[in-house]
Amino acid sequence: MPNNLKSMMDKRGMSSTELAYKSGVGARYIGFITQGVRSPSLKVAMKMAQALGCKVEDIFLPTECTKRTQKPA
């Protein structure tokens, strides 16, 4: 599952260790999330968004619509 976590961390100059500390999880877990190997719980996702100063959807919601979500012409 692709996400924007790495780019959000880079924009704010935040390391995975710092984000992990502020989110209450391990740095390795943050790495798994950025790689798309793991998905955080809603509680952890909200803590991550708060630490990054953004909304959960900014991190985890894809920016492009798929055919399935586009309105019919």
C-alpha atoms as a PDB file:
ATOM      1  CA  MET A   1       0.000   0.000   0.000  1.00  0.00           C
ATOM      2  CA  PRO A   2       1.742   3.175  -1.124  1.00  0.00           C
ATOM      3  CA  ASN A   3       1.630   6.187   1.156  1.00  0.00           C
ATOM      4  CA  ASN A   4       3.155   9.659   1.504  1.00  0.00           C
ATOM      5  CA  LEU A   5       4.765   9.078   4.886  1.00  0.00           C
ATOM      6  CA  LYS A   6       8.383   9.308   3.743  1.00  0.00           C
ATOM      7  CA  SER A   7       7.804  12.527   1.785  1.00  0.00           C
ATOM      8  CA  MET A   8       5.896  14.081   4.710  1.00  0.00           C
ATOM      9  CA  MET A   9       8.775  13.227   7.056  1.00  0.00           C
ATOM     10  CA  ASP A  10      11.315  14.642   4.594  1.00  0.00           C
ATOM     11  CA  LYS A  11       9.347  17.901   4.191  1.00  0.00           C
ATOM     12  CA  ARG A  12       9.391  18.416   7.951  1.00  0.00           C
ATOM     13  CA  GLY A  13      12.961  17.229   8.471  1.00  0.00           C
ATOM     14  CA  MET A  14      11.789  14.492  10.800  1.00  0.00           C
ATOM     15  CA  SER A  15      13.615  11.187  11.181  1.00  0.00           C
ATOM     16  CA  SER A  16      11.850   7.863  11.556  1.00  0.00           C
ATOM     17  CA  THR A  17      13.247   7.646  15.091  1.00  0.00           C
ATOM     18  CA  GLU A  18      11.712  11.003  16.037  1.00  0.00           C
ATOM     19  CA  LEU A  19       8.372  10.146  14.443  1.00  0.00           C
ATOM     20  CA  ALA A  20       8.382   6.769  16.157  1.00  0.00           C
ATOM     21  CA  TYR A  21       9.002   8.393  19.540  1.00  0.00           C
ATOM     22  CA  LYS A  22       6.210  10.936  19.022  1.00  0.00           C
ATOM     23  CA  SER A  23       3.845   8.202  17.788  1.00  0.00           C
ATOM     24  CA  GLY A  24       4.605   5.680  20.512  1.00  0.00           C
ATOM     25  CA  VAL A  25       5.938   2.970  18.204  1.00  0.00           C
ATOM     26  CA  GLY A  26       9.357   1.641  17.201  1.00  0.00           C
ATOM     27  CA  ALA A  27      11.472   3.182  14.450  1.00  0.00           C
ATOM     28  CA  ARG A  28      11.531  -0.161  12.660  1.00  0.00           C
ATOM     29  CA  TYR A  29       7.721  -0.140  12.539  1.00  0.00           C
ATOM     30  CA  ILE A  30       7.806   3.322  10.932  1.00  0.00           C
ATOM     31  CA  GLY A  31      10.169   1.854   8.330  1.00  0.00           C
ATOM     32  CA  PHE A  32       7.721  -0.956   7.611  1.00  0.00           C
ATOM     33  CA  ILE A  33       4.915   1.579   7.153  1.00  0.00           C
ATOM     34  CA  THR A  34       6.956   3.745   4.756  1.00  0.00           C
ATOM     35  CA  GLN A  35       7.768   0.617   2.722  1.00  0.00           C
ATOM     36  CA  GLY A  36       4.106  -0.382   2.600  1.00  0.00           C
ATOM     37  CA  VAL A  37       4.789  -3.646   4.448  1.00  0.00           C
ATOM     38  CA  ARG A  38       2.595  -2.699   7.418  1.00  0.00           C
ATOM     39  CA  SER A  39      -0.450  -0.504   7.928  1.00  0.00           C
ATOM     40  CA  PRO A  40      -0.823   1.389  11.195  1.00  0.00           C
ATOM     41  CA  SER A  41      -3.887   1.285  13.380  1.00  0.00           C
ATOM     42  CA  LEU A  42      -6.082   4.357  13.238  1.00  0.00           C
ATOM     43  CA  LYS A  43      -4.792   5.408  16.652  1.00  0.00           C
ATOM     44  CA  VAL A  44      -1.145   5.260  15.501  1.00  0.00           C
ATOM     45  CA  ALA A  45      -1.986   6.920  12.166  1.00  0.00           C
ATOM     46  CA  MET A  46      -3.614   9.799  14.046  1.00  0.00           C
ATOM     47  CA  LYS A  47      -0.574  10.182  16.316  1.00  0.00           C
ATOM     48  CA  MET A  48       1.701  10.185  13.270  1.00  0.00           C
ATOM     49  CA  ALA A  49      -0.398  12.839  11.557  1.00  0.00           C
ATOM     50  CA  GLN A  50      -0.425  14.971  14.698  1.00  0.00           C
ATOM     51  CA  ALA A  51       3.361  14.696  15.001  1.00  0.00           C
ATOM     52  CA  LEU A  52       3.737  15.688  11.344  1.00  0.00           C
ATOM     53  CA  GLY A  53       1.211  18.527  11.611  1.00  0.00           C
ATOM     54  CA  CYS A  54      -1.108  17.163   8.940  1.00  0.00           C
ATOM     55  CA  LYS A  55      -4.227  15.035   8.471  1.00  0.00           C
ATOM     56  CA  VAL A  56      -4.244  11.235   8.265  1.00  0.00           C
ATOM     57  CA  GLU A  57      -5.592  11.480   4.720  1.00  0.00           C
ATOM     58  CA  ASP A  58      -2.554  13.553   3.704  1.00  0.00           C
ATOM     59  CA  ILE A  59      -0.367  10.568   4.545  1.00  0.00           C
ATOM     60  CA  PHE A  60      -2.448   7.552   3.579  1.00  0.00           C
ATOM     61  CA  LEU A  61      -5.063   8.594   1.019  1.00  0.00           C
ATOM     62  CA  PRO A  62      -3.896   8.239  -2.586  1.00  0.00           C
ATOM     63  CA  THR A  63      -3.953  11.495  -4.516  1.00  0.00           C
ATOM     64  CA  GLU A  64      -5.111   9.959  -7.785  1.00  0.00           C
ATOM     65  CA  CYS A  65      -8.547   8.476  -8.361  1.00  0.00           C
ATOM     66  CA  THR A  66      -8.840   5.005  -9.754  1.00  0.00           C
ATOM     67  CA  LYS A  67     -11.350   4.040 -12.456  1.00  0.00           C
ATOM     68  CA  ARG A  68     -13.556   2.582  -9.762  1.00  0.00           C
ATOM     69  CA  THR A  69     -13.770   5.862  -7.810  1.00  0.00           C
ATOM     70  CA  GLN A  70     -14.192   8.202 -10.774  1.00  0.00           C
ATOM     71  CA  LYS A  71     -17.626   9.552 -11.600  1.00  0.00           C
ATOM     72  CA  PRO A  72     -19.159   8.149 -14.800  1.00  0.00           C
ATOM     73  CA  ALA A  73     -19.126  10.490 -17.786  1.00  0.00           C
END
